[in-house]
C-alpha cells in the first residue's frame, strides 16, 4: 500500500503589522512624517502590493495599521503590536500547532477578507494567522513595494 506524504501547511508571507494606539490617526501621521509611511489620507492604514519572485502569478499585499485600543480582540495578553502572517492553509496549520503543544485560540473567524486564527509564541507574544480568499485584493489604498 503506497504511502503519501501530506504537504505541511506553512507561512507564505507577512500579512500585516497592527499597532495598538491611544490616538491611531496621530500615530499614523507620526509614522508618515518621520518614516515616510504612505498612510491613507486622514486615516491610519498603509498597504504595500508585492509580487512573488518565486511563485508564478503570486501576488498580494502587506497591511500596516494603527488601531484604536478596542478595535480588535488582542487576546488575554497585553500586546502593543500583533504580527499577521499570511498562510496557505489555516486549518491545517492550526492543527499542526496544536499537535506541537502551541497555545492556539479555539476561536477562528471568516470574513470577506479570508480566514483568521491566533496563537502565541513561547514568549507569550500573540500572532495572527491569515488565509486570504482565493481571489483577494485588499480594499485599502495600495502602494507598490520597491
Protein backbone atom coordinates (compact mmCIF):
# COMPACT_ATOMS: atom_id res chain seq x y z
CA UNK A 1 0.00 0.00 0.00
CA UNK A 2 1.65 3.29 -1.10
CA UNK A 3 2.05 5.99 1.50
CA UNK A 4 1.57 9.59 0.56
CA UNK A 5 3.27 12.40 2.37
CA UNK A 6 0.96 15.26 3.18
CA UNK A 7 2.39 18.65 2.45
CA UNK A 8 2.79 20.66 5.65
CA UNK A 9 0.99 23.98 5.86
CA UNK A 10 3.30 26.98 6.22
CA UNK A 11 3.61 30.76 6.37
CA UNK A 12 3.76 32.36 2.91
CA UNK A 13 4.47 35.97 3.89
CA UNK A 14 3.77 38.85 6.22
CA UNK A 15 0.12 39.82 6.08
CA UNK A 16 0.33 42.87 8.30
CA UNK A 17 1.53 44.68 11.38
CA UNK A 18 -1.02 46.17 13.76
CA UNK A 19 -0.11 48.78 16.37
CA UNK A 20 -2.30 49.44 19.39
CA UNK A 21 -2.68 53.21 19.80
CA UNK A 22 -4.50 55.65 22.08
CA UNK A 23 -4.65 58.08 19.13
CA UNK A 24 -4.24 55.99 15.95
CA UNK A 25 -4.65 58.83 13.42
CA UNK A 26 -1.97 60.91 15.17
CA UNK A 27 0.32 57.88 15.47
CA UNK A 28 -0.11 57.09 11.77
CA UNK A 29 0.66 60.73 10.95
CA UNK A 30 3.86 60.46 13.02
CA UNK A 31 4.92 57.40 11.00
CA UNK A 32 4.07 59.26 7.77
CA UNK A 33 6.01 62.36 8.78
CA UNK A 34 9.05 60.68 10.34
CA UNK A 35 9.38 57.41 8.42
CA UNK A 36 7.68 58.28 5.13
CA UNK A 37 4.97 55.66 5.51
CA UNK A 38 2.33 56.18 2.80
CA UNK A 39 -0.66 56.30 5.14
CA UNK A 40 -4.12 56.77 3.61
CA UNK A 41 -5.33 60.37 3.71
CA UNK A 42 -6.78 61.16 7.14
CA UNK A 43 -6.52 57.51 8.10
CA UNK A 44 -4.28 55.07 9.82
CA UNK A 45 -3.63 52.38 7.17
CA UNK A 46 -0.85 51.78 4.64
CA UNK A 47 -0.75 48.88 2.16
CA UNK A 48 2.10 47.63 0.01
CA UNK A 49 1.48 45.46 -3.05
CA UNK A 50 4.02 42.82 -3.98
CA UNK A 51 4.66 40.00 -6.41
CA UNK A 52 6.31 36.72 -5.54
CA UNK A 53 9.71 36.30 -7.20
CA UNK A 54 9.38 32.50 -6.98
CA UNK A 55 5.67 31.70 -7.39
CA UNK A 56 4.30 32.37 -10.86
CA UNK A 57 1.27 34.61 -10.61
CA UNK A 58 1.83 35.02 -6.87
CA UNK A 59 0.99 38.47 -5.58
CA UNK A 60 -0.54 40.06 -2.54
CA UNK A 61 -0.35 42.96 -0.17
CA UNK A 62 1.00 43.72 3.29
CA UNK A 63 -1.02 45.96 5.59
CA UNK A 64 0.21 48.34 8.30
CA UNK A 65 -2.42 49.78 10.64
CA UNK A 66 -2.63 51.87 13.81
CA UNK A 67 -5.76 50.73 15.64
CA UNK A 68 -7.86 52.08 18.48
CA UNK A 69 -7.29 50.16 21.70
CA UNK A 70 -10.69 48.41 21.40
CA UNK A 71 -10.77 47.94 17.61
CA UNK A 72 -9.98 44.23 17.60
CA UNK A 73 -9.60 41.44 20.13
CA UNK A 74 -5.97 41.26 21.22
CA UNK A 75 -6.33 38.16 23.35
CA UNK A 76 -5.56 37.60 27.02
CA UNK A 77 -2.08 39.13 26.94
CA UNK A 78 -1.49 42.87 26.73
CA UNK A 79 0.46 43.26 23.47
CA UNK A 80 1.01 46.59 21.75
CA UNK A 81 1.92 45.02 18.39
CA UNK A 82 0.49 41.98 16.64
CA UNK A 83 2.11 40.44 13.56
CA UNK A 84 -0.21 38.92 10.96
CA UNK A 85 1.29 36.06 8.94
CA UNK A 86 -0.18 35.11 5.58
CA UNK A 87 -0.63 31.30 5.43
CA UNK A 88 -1.54 28.78 2.75
CA UNK A 89 -3.88 26.54 4.82
CA UNK A 90 -5.13 27.97 8.12
CA UNK A 91 -6.94 24.88 9.39
CA UNK A 92 -4.01 22.57 8.69
CA UNK A 93 -1.50 24.95 10.27
CA UNK A 94 -3.62 25.43 13.41
CA UNK A 95 -3.88 21.63 13.74
CA UNK A 96 -0.11 21.29 13.33
CA UNK A 97 0.48 23.93 16.02
CA UNK A 98 -1.93 22.25 18.43
CA UNK A 99 -0.23 18.87 17.91
CA UNK A 100 3.10 20.57 18.71
CA UNK A 101 1.73 21.87 22.01
CA UNK A 102 1.49 25.52 20.92
CA UNK A 103 -1.13 27.65 22.67
CA UNK A 104 -3.76 28.25 19.95
CA UNK A 105 -7.02 30.16 20.34
CA UNK A 106 -10.12 27.97 19.97
CA UNK A 107 -11.81 30.79 18.07
CA UNK A 108 -11.31 31.43 14.35
CA UNK A 109 -13.03 33.98 12.12
CA UNK A 110 -14.06 34.01 8.49
CA UNK A 111 -15.00 37.12 6.52
CA UNK A 112 -14.73 38.59 3.02
CA UNK A 113 -11.03 39.17 3.86
CA UNK A 114 -10.40 35.46 4.48
CA UNK A 115 -9.94 33.13 7.45
CA UNK A 116 -8.17 34.17 10.67
CA UNK A 117 -6.74 32.31 13.64
CA UNK A 118 -4.46 33.21 16.55
CA UNK A 119 -1.72 31.61 18.61
CA UNK A 120 1.14 32.52 20.97
CA UNK A 121 4.87 32.03 20.65
CA UNK A 122 6.91 30.62 23.58
CA UNK A 123 7.44 34.15 24.98
CA UNK A 124 3.67 34.74 25.07
CA UNK A 125 3.60 37.04 22.02
CA UNK A 126 0.26 36.65 20.29
CA UNK A 127 0.24 36.45 16.49
CA UNK A 128 -2.46 36.24 13.87
CA UNK A 129 -2.59 33.75 11.00
CA UNK A 130 -4.45 34.79 7.85
CA UNK A 131 -5.51 32.67 4.90
CA UNK A 132 -6.70 35.13 2.25
CA UNK A 133 -9.55 34.14 -0.06
CA UNK A 134 -8.51 32.58 -3.36
CA UNK A 135 -9.11 35.84 -5.23
CA UNK A 136 -8.09 38.60 -2.82
CA UNK A 137 -7.46 42.29 -3.36
CA UNK A 138 -7.32 44.47 -0.26
CA UNK A 139 -9.75 47.42 -0.44
CA UNK A 140 -7.30 49.80 1.18
CA UNK A 141 -5.09 52.17 -0.81
CA UNK A 142 -2.18 50.29 -2.37
CA UNK A 143 1.42 51.39 -2.67
CA UNK A 144 3.72 49.24 -4.84
CA UNK A 145 6.69 47.81 -2.94
CA UNK A 146 10.15 48.81 -4.12
